[in-house]
Amino acid sequence: MKLILGSGSPRRKELLAQIGVVADAIRPPDIDETPQKAELPRPYCARMAREKAEAVVAALDEIVLCADTTVALGRRILGKPEDVTEAERFLRQLSGRRHRVITSVAVKKGETLWERDVVTTVKMKRLSDSEIAGYLATNDWQGKAGGYAIQGPAGALIPWIQGSFTGVVGLPLSETAALLQAAGYPLWRTP
């Protein structure tokens, strides 16, 4: 049984390796990730994961795994910043506040789709101008929802989370393992 990872994220590949899963192929889908007018963060994230899974071309017996991570500040979606100016704006908005990180996972086999989303509350400390400048200088914000990655240098800016750490990184492992098993993927192989 082949597993197709529908993501180019090195973090998702590394997270899967933590539970002994290595994708047989990586096929990142090319979809429009623009939020619809007045779309709320959680439904947006679920739609993105579902659309990614549906966009990956796979044989009927192949299992496709896709995910999407969204940072939500209230009703606002903070996507991947386009440049350092937008990354700085995101950090200033998140500074000293709680926000939600939503990761939706979609697993497809044939015509069947299994879905799950995980919401984690994250608190970012109140950031000084020098902390913001220092973090931005690392370039770790690039390609990261909300302009930060908890597993990198931004870990020093986050004193507290409630929920799934791996969900904040980009793939909630417990929920992903359950979805893979539901699709028939032999997660715990014995020699």
C-alpha atoms as a PDB file:
ATOM      1  CA  MET A   1       0.000   0.000   0.000  1.00  0.00           C
ATOM      2  CA  LYS A   2       1.527   3.301  -1.104  1.00  0.00           C
ATOM      3  CA  LEU A   3       1.328   6.545   0.851  1.00  0.00           C
ATOM      4  CA  ILE A   4       1.431   9.820  -1.045  1.00  0.00           C
ATOM      5  CA  LEU A   5       2.286  12.952   0.935  1.00  0.00           C
ATOM      6  CA  GLY A   6       0.497  15.866  -0.685  1.00  0.00           C
ATOM      7  CA  SER A   7       2.799  18.464   0.813  1.00  0.00           C
ATOM      8  CA  GLY A   8       6.192  19.938   0.065  1.00  0.00           C
ATOM      9  CA  SER A   9       6.660  20.841   3.740  1.00  0.00           C
ATOM     10  CA  PRO A  10       9.879  19.383   5.161  1.00  0.00           C
ATOM     11  CA  ARG A  11       8.305  19.705   8.637  1.00  0.00           C
ATOM     12  CA  ARG A  12       5.435  17.367   7.747  1.00  0.00           C
ATOM     13  CA  LYS A  13       7.876  14.837   6.318  1.00  0.00           C
ATOM     14  CA  GLU A  14       9.962  15.012   9.527  1.00  0.00           C
ATOM     15  CA  LEU A  15       6.887  14.667  11.739  1.00  0.00           C
ATOM     16  CA  LEU A  16       5.735  11.560   9.868  1.00  0.00           C
ATOM     17  CA  ALA A  17       9.212  10.072  10.311  1.00  0.00           C
ATOM     18  CA  GLN A  18       8.761  10.441  14.091  1.00  0.00           C
ATOM     19  CA  ILE A  19       6.027   7.798  13.935  1.00  0.00           C
ATOM     20  CA  GLY A  20       7.928   5.624  11.470  1.00  0.00           C
ATOM     21  CA  VAL A  21       6.017   6.712   8.371  1.00  0.00           C
ATOM     22  CA  VAL A  22       7.908   7.435   5.164  1.00  0.00           C
ATOM     23  CA  ALA A  23       5.867   8.499   2.144  1.00  0.00           C
ATOM     24  CA  ASP A  24       6.386   6.526  -1.042  1.00  0.00           C
ATOM     25  CA  ALA A  25       5.987   9.735  -3.054  1.00  0.00           C
ATOM     26  CA  ILE A  26       5.638  13.459  -2.440  1.00  0.00           C
ATOM     27  CA  ARG A  27       3.151  15.248  -4.689  1.00  0.00           C
ATOM     28  CA  PRO A  28       2.396  18.782  -3.484  1.00  0.00           C
ATOM     29  CA  PRO A  29      -0.830  19.991  -5.105  1.00  0.00           C
ATOM     30  CA  ASP A  30      -1.100  23.367  -6.775  1.00  0.00           C
ATOM     31  CA  ILE A  31      -4.335  24.974  -5.573  1.00  0.00           C
ATOM     32  CA  ASP A  32      -5.583  28.496  -4.983  1.00  0.00           C
ATOM     33  CA  GLU A  33      -5.258  29.129  -1.242  1.00  0.00           C
ATOM     34  CA  THR A  34      -7.094  32.452  -1.212  1.00  0.00           C
ATOM     35  CA  PRO A  35      -9.723  32.645   1.551  1.00  0.00           C
ATOM     36  CA  GLN A  36     -13.267  33.209   0.340  1.00  0.00           C
ATOM     37  CA  LYS A  37     -15.006  36.436   1.289  1.00  0.00           C
ATOM     38  CA  ALA A  38     -15.905  36.391   5.023  1.00  0.00           C
ATOM     39  CA  GLU A  39     -14.600  32.801   5.378  1.00  0.00           C
ATOM     40  CA  LEU A  40     -13.738  31.952   8.970  1.00  0.00           C
ATOM     41  CA  PRO A  41     -10.366  30.376   9.850  1.00  0.00           C
ATOM     42  CA  ARG A  42     -11.509  26.856  10.837  1.00  0.00           C
ATOM     43  CA  PRO A  43     -13.764  26.203   7.797  1.00  0.00           C
ATOM     44  CA  TYR A  44     -11.075  27.771   5.570  1.00  0.00           C
ATOM     45  CA  CYS A  45      -8.396  25.440   6.926  1.00  0.00           C
ATOM     46  CA  ALA A  46     -10.611  22.356   6.521  1.00  0.00           C
ATOM     47  CA  ARG A  47     -11.472  23.388   2.956  1.00  0.00           C
ATOM     48  CA  MET A  48      -7.787  23.816   2.100  1.00  0.00           C
ATOM     49  CA  ALA A  49      -6.842  20.336   3.388  1.00  0.00           C
ATOM     50  CA  ARG A  50      -9.795  18.774   1.545  1.00  0.00           C
ATOM     51  CA  GLU A  51      -9.052  20.606  -1.729  1.00  0.00           C
ATOM     52  CA  LYS A  52      -5.388  19.624  -1.515  1.00  0.00           C
ATOM     53  CA  ALA A  53      -6.316  15.947  -1.048  1.00  0.00           C
ATOM     54  CA  GLU A  54      -8.749  16.088  -3.952  1.00  0.00           C
ATOM     55  CA  ALA A  55      -6.153  17.772  -6.199  1.00  0.00           C
ATOM     56  CA  VAL A  56      -3.486  15.076  -5.734  1.00  0.00           C
ATOM     57  CA  VAL A  57      -3.572  12.542  -8.550  1.00  0.00           C
ATOM     58  CA  ALA A  58      -3.402   9.041  -7.099  1.00  0.00           C
ATOM     59  CA  ALA A  59      -4.317   5.467  -7.968  1.00  0.00           C
ATOM     60  CA  LEU A  60      -7.386   3.995  -6.270  1.00  0.00           C
ATOM     61  CA  ASP A  61      -5.253   1.910  -3.899  1.00  0.00           C
ATOM     62  CA  GLU A  62      -2.918   4.767  -2.927  1.00  0.00           C
ATOM     63  CA  ILE A  63      -3.485   6.727   0.283  1.00  0.00           C
ATOM     64  CA  VAL A  64      -3.081  10.504   0.006  1.00  0.00           C
ATOM     65  CA  LEU A  65      -2.251  12.582   3.086  1.00  0.00           C
ATOM     66  CA  CYS A  66      -2.657  16.368   2.991  1.00  0.00           C
ATOM     67  CA  ALA A  67      -2.810  19.054   5.661  1.00  0.00           C
ATOM     68  CA  ASP A  68      -3.172  22.785   6.073  1.00  0.00           C
ATOM     69  CA  THR A  69      -2.139  24.968   8.988  1.00  0.00           C
ATOM     70  CA  THR A  70      -3.755  28.332   9.624  1.00  0.00           C
ATOM     71  CA  VAL A  71      -3.069  30.927  12.299  1.00  0.00           C
ATOM     72  CA  ALA A  72      -6.244  32.631  13.491  1.00  0.00           C
ATOM     73  CA  LEU A  73      -6.338  35.849  15.449  1.00  0.00           C
ATOM     74  CA  GLY A  74     -10.007  36.128  16.313  1.00  0.00           C
ATOM     75  CA  ARG A  75     -11.833  35.864  12.997  1.00  0.00           C
ATOM     76  CA  ARG A  76      -8.765  36.901  10.982  1.00  0.00           C
ATOM     77  CA  ILE A  77      -6.640  34.447   9.021  1.00  0.00           C
ATOM     78  CA  LEU A  78      -2.910  35.143   9.214  1.00  0.00           C
ATOM     79  CA  GLY A  79      -1.457  33.232   6.285  1.00  0.00           C
ATOM     80  CA  LYS A  80       2.124  32.994   5.090  1.00  0.00           C
ATOM     81  CA  PRO A  81       3.571  36.517   4.980  1.00  0.00           C
ATOM     82  CA  GLU A  82       4.489  37.741   1.522  1.00  0.00           C
ATOM     83  CA  ASP A  83       7.455  39.770   2.768  1.00  0.00           C
ATOM     84  CA  VAL A  84       9.293  40.898   5.894  1.00  0.00           C
ATOM     85  CA  THR A  85       6.955  43.891   6.334  1.00  0.00           C
ATOM     86  CA  GLU A  86       3.904  41.625   6.522  1.00  0.00           C
ATOM     87  CA  ALA A  87       5.767  39.216   8.837  1.00  0.00           C
ATOM     88  CA  GLU A  88       6.521  42.130  11.183  1.00  0.00           C
ATOM     89  CA  ARG A  89       2.875  43.220  11.118  1.00  0.00           C
ATOM     90  CA  PHE A  90       1.767  39.669  12.033  1.00  0.00           C
ATOM     91  CA  LEU A  91       4.252  39.495  14.928  1.00  0.00           C
ATOM     92  CA  ARG A  92       3.093  42.860  16.261  1.00  0.00           C
ATOM     93  CA  GLN A  93      -0.546  41.692  16.072  1.00  0.00           C
ATOM     94  CA  LEU A  94       0.286  38.436  17.908  1.00  0.00           C
ATOM     95  CA  SER A  95       2.530  40.092  20.514  1.00  0.00           C
ATOM     96  CA  GLY A  96       1.221  39.563  24.035  1.00  0.00           C
ATOM     97  CA  ARG A  97      -1.901  37.801  22.815  1.00  0.00           C
ATOM     98  CA  ARG A  98      -3.425  34.366  22.565  1.00  0.00           C
ATOM     99  CA  HIS A  99      -4.302  33.046  19.148  1.00  0.00           C
ATOM    100  CA  ARG A 100      -5.366  29.747  17.623  1.00  0.00           C
ATOM    101  CA  VAL A 101      -3.365  27.495  15.333  1.00  0.00           C
ATOM    102  CA  ILE A 102      -5.631  25.231  13.317  1.00  0.00           C
ATOM    103  CA  THR A 103      -4.281  22.251  11.430  1.00  0.00           C
ATOM    104  CA  SER A 104      -6.681  20.289   9.275  1.00  0.00           C
ATOM    105  CA  VAL A 105      -5.707  16.859   7.993  1.00  0.00           C
ATOM    106  CA  ALA A 106      -7.340  15.073   5.058  1.00  0.00           C
ATOM    107  CA  VAL A 107      -6.633  11.472   4.083  1.00  0.00           C
ATOM    108  CA  LYS A 108      -8.028  10.128   0.810  1.00  0.00           C
ATOM    109  CA  LYS A 109      -8.183   6.595  -0.553  1.00  0.00           C
ATOM    110  CA  GLY A 110     -10.174   6.152  -3.727  1.00  0.00           C
ATOM    111  CA  GLU A 111     -13.408   8.094  -3.295  1.00  0.00           C
ATOM    112  CA  THR A 112     -13.314   8.047   0.513  1.00  0.00           C
ATOM    113  CA  LEU A 113     -12.068  11.043   2.460  1.00  0.00           C
ATOM    114  CA  TRP A 114     -11.304  11.098   6.191  1.00  0.00           C
ATOM    115  CA  GLU A 115     -10.880  14.518   7.822  1.00  0.00           C
ATOM    116  CA  ARG A 116      -9.937  15.944  11.186  1.00  0.00           C
ATOM    117  CA  ASP A 117      -8.961  19.351  12.433  1.00  0.00           C
ATOM    118  CA  VAL A 118      -7.043  20.192  15.576  1.00  0.00           C
ATOM    119  CA  VAL A 119      -7.166  23.591  17.267  1.00  0.00           C
ATOM    120  CA  THR A 120      -4.382  24.655  19.623  1.00  0.00           C
ATOM    121  CA  THR A 121      -4.340  27.876  21.627  1.00  0.00           C
ATOM    122  CA  VAL A 122      -0.949  29.598  21.600  1.00  0.00           C
ATOM    123  CA  LYS A 123       0.231  32.537  23.702  1.00  0.00           C
ATOM    124  CA  MET A 124       2.968  34.733  22.340  1.00  0.00           C
ATOM    125  CA  LYS A 125       4.826  36.847  24.892  1.00  0.00           C
ATOM    126  CA  ARG A 126       4.812  40.624  24.599  1.00  0.00           C
ATOM    127  CA  LEU A 127       7.565  41.250  22.073  1.00  0.00           C
ATOM    128  CA  SER A 128      10.081  44.078  22.217  1.00  0.00           C
ATOM    129  CA  ASP A 129      11.218  45.844  19.065  1.00  0.00           C
ATOM    130  CA  SER A 130      14.609  44.126  19.363  1.00  0.00           C
ATOM    131  CA  GLU A 131      13.005  40.675  19.692  1.00  0.00           C
ATOM    132  CA  ILE A 132      10.899  41.304  16.586  1.00  0.00           C
ATOM    133  CA  ALA A 133      13.915  42.576  14.622  1.00  0.00           C
ATOM    134  CA  GLY A 134      16.053  39.680  15.817  1.00  0.00           C
ATOM    135  CA  TYR A 135      13.470  37.070  14.882  1.00  0.00           C
ATOM    136  CA  LEU A 136      12.831  38.627  11.472  1.00  0.00           C
ATOM    137  CA  ALA A 137      16.596  38.605  10.796  1.00  0.00           C
ATOM    138  CA  THR A 138      16.610  34.794  11.141  1.00  0.00           C
ATOM    139  CA  ASN A 139      14.326  34.545   8.068  1.00  0.00           C
ATOM    140  CA  ASP A 140      12.595  31.673   9.891  1.00  0.00           C
ATOM    141  CA  TRP A 141       9.270  33.459   9.277  1.00  0.00           C
ATOM    142  CA  GLN A 142       9.372  32.704   5.547  1.00  0.00           C
ATOM    143  CA  GLY A 143       6.722  30.264   4.385  1.00  0.00           C
ATOM    144  CA  LYS A 144       5.202  29.961   7.867  1.00  0.00           C
ATOM    145  CA  ALA A 145       1.548  30.631   8.686  1.00  0.00           C
ATOM    146  CA  GLY A 146       1.341  33.633  10.980  1.00  0.00           C
ATOM    147  CA  GLY A 147       4.990  34.440  10.271  1.00  0.00           C
ATOM    148  CA  TYR A 148       6.522  32.106  12.848  1.00  0.00           C
ATOM    149  CA  ALA A 149       7.455  28.486  13.516  1.00  0.00           C
ATOM    150  CA  ILE A 150       7.220  27.244  17.116  1.00  0.00           C
ATOM    151  CA  GLN A 151       9.897  24.580  16.515  1.00  0.00           C
ATOM    152  CA  GLY A 152      12.474  27.188  15.465  1.00  0.00           C
ATOM    153  CA  PRO A 153      13.816  30.375  17.034  1.00  0.00           C
ATOM    154  CA  ALA A 154      10.233  31.585  17.683  1.00  0.00           C
ATOM    155  CA  GLY A 155       9.980  28.911  20.372  1.00  0.00           C
ATOM    156  CA  ALA A 156      11.660  31.492  22.636  1.00  0.00           C
ATOM    157  CA  LEU A 157       8.692  33.807  22.055  1.00  0.00           C
ATOM    158  CA  ILE A 158       5.973  31.330  23.053  1.00  0.00           C
ATOM    159  CA  PRO A 159       5.685  30.626  26.788  1.00  0.00           C
ATOM    160  CA  TRP A 160       2.466  28.607  26.663  1.00  0.00           C
ATOM    161  CA  ILE A 161       0.279  26.425  24.452  1.00  0.00           C
ATOM    162  CA  GLN A 162      -2.867  24.433  25.113  1.00  0.00           C
ATOM    163  CA  GLY A 163      -3.326  21.592  22.680  1.00  0.00           C
ATOM    164  CA  SER A 164      -1.161  19.773  20.164  1.00  0.00           C
ATOM    165  CA  PHE A 165       2.473  20.849  19.761  1.00  0.00           C
ATOM    166  CA  THR A 166       2.813  18.784  16.566  1.00  0.00           C
ATOM    167  CA  GLY A 167      -0.398  20.405  15.319  1.00  0.00           C
ATOM    168  CA  VAL A 168       1.230  23.818  15.675  1.00  0.00           C
ATOM    169  CA  VAL A 169       4.309  22.532  13.817  1.00  0.00           C
ATOM    170  CA  GLY A 170       2.024  21.410  10.973  1.00  0.00           C
ATOM    171  CA  LEU A 171       0.770  17.841  11.464  1.00  0.00           C
ATOM    172  CA  PRO A 172      -0.992  16.614  14.624  1.00  0.00           C
ATOM    173  CA  LEU A 173       0.519  13.147  14.926  1.00  0.00           C
ATOM    174  CA  SER A 174      -2.074  11.382  17.063  1.00  0.00           C
ATOM    175  CA  GLU A 175      -4.960  12.444  14.837  1.00  0.00           C
ATOM    176  CA  THR A 176      -2.963  11.793  11.651  1.00  0.00           C
ATOM    177  CA  ALA A 177      -2.080   8.289  12.822  1.00  0.00           C
ATOM    178  CA  ALA A 178      -5.766   7.564  13.490  1.00  0.00           C
ATOM    179  CA  LEU A 179      -6.770   8.795  10.015  1.00  0.00           C
ATOM    180  CA  LEU A 180      -4.053   6.729   8.327  1.00  0.00           C
ATOM    181  CA  GLN A 181      -5.195   3.626  10.217  1.00  0.00           C
ATOM    182  CA  ALA A 182      -8.831   4.313   9.264  1.00  0.00           C
ATOM    183  CA  ALA A 183      -7.699   4.331   5.609  1.00  0.00           C
ATOM    184  CA  GLY A 184      -5.996   0.961   6.106  1.00  0.00           C
ATOM    185  CA  TYR A 185      -2.400   2.159   6.321  1.00  0.00           C
ATOM    186  CA  PRO A 186      -0.349  -0.351   8.383  1.00  0.00           C
ATOM    187  CA  LEU A 187       1.052   2.121  10.906  1.00  0.00           C
ATOM    188  CA  TRP A 188       2.518  -0.288  13.417  1.00  0.00           C
ATOM    189  CA  ARG A 189       4.417  -2.787  11.323  1.00  0.00           C
ATOM    190  CA  THR A 190       5.870  -5.769  13.118  1.00  0.00           C
ATOM    191  CA  PRO A 191       8.951  -7.578  11.813  1.00  0.00           C
END
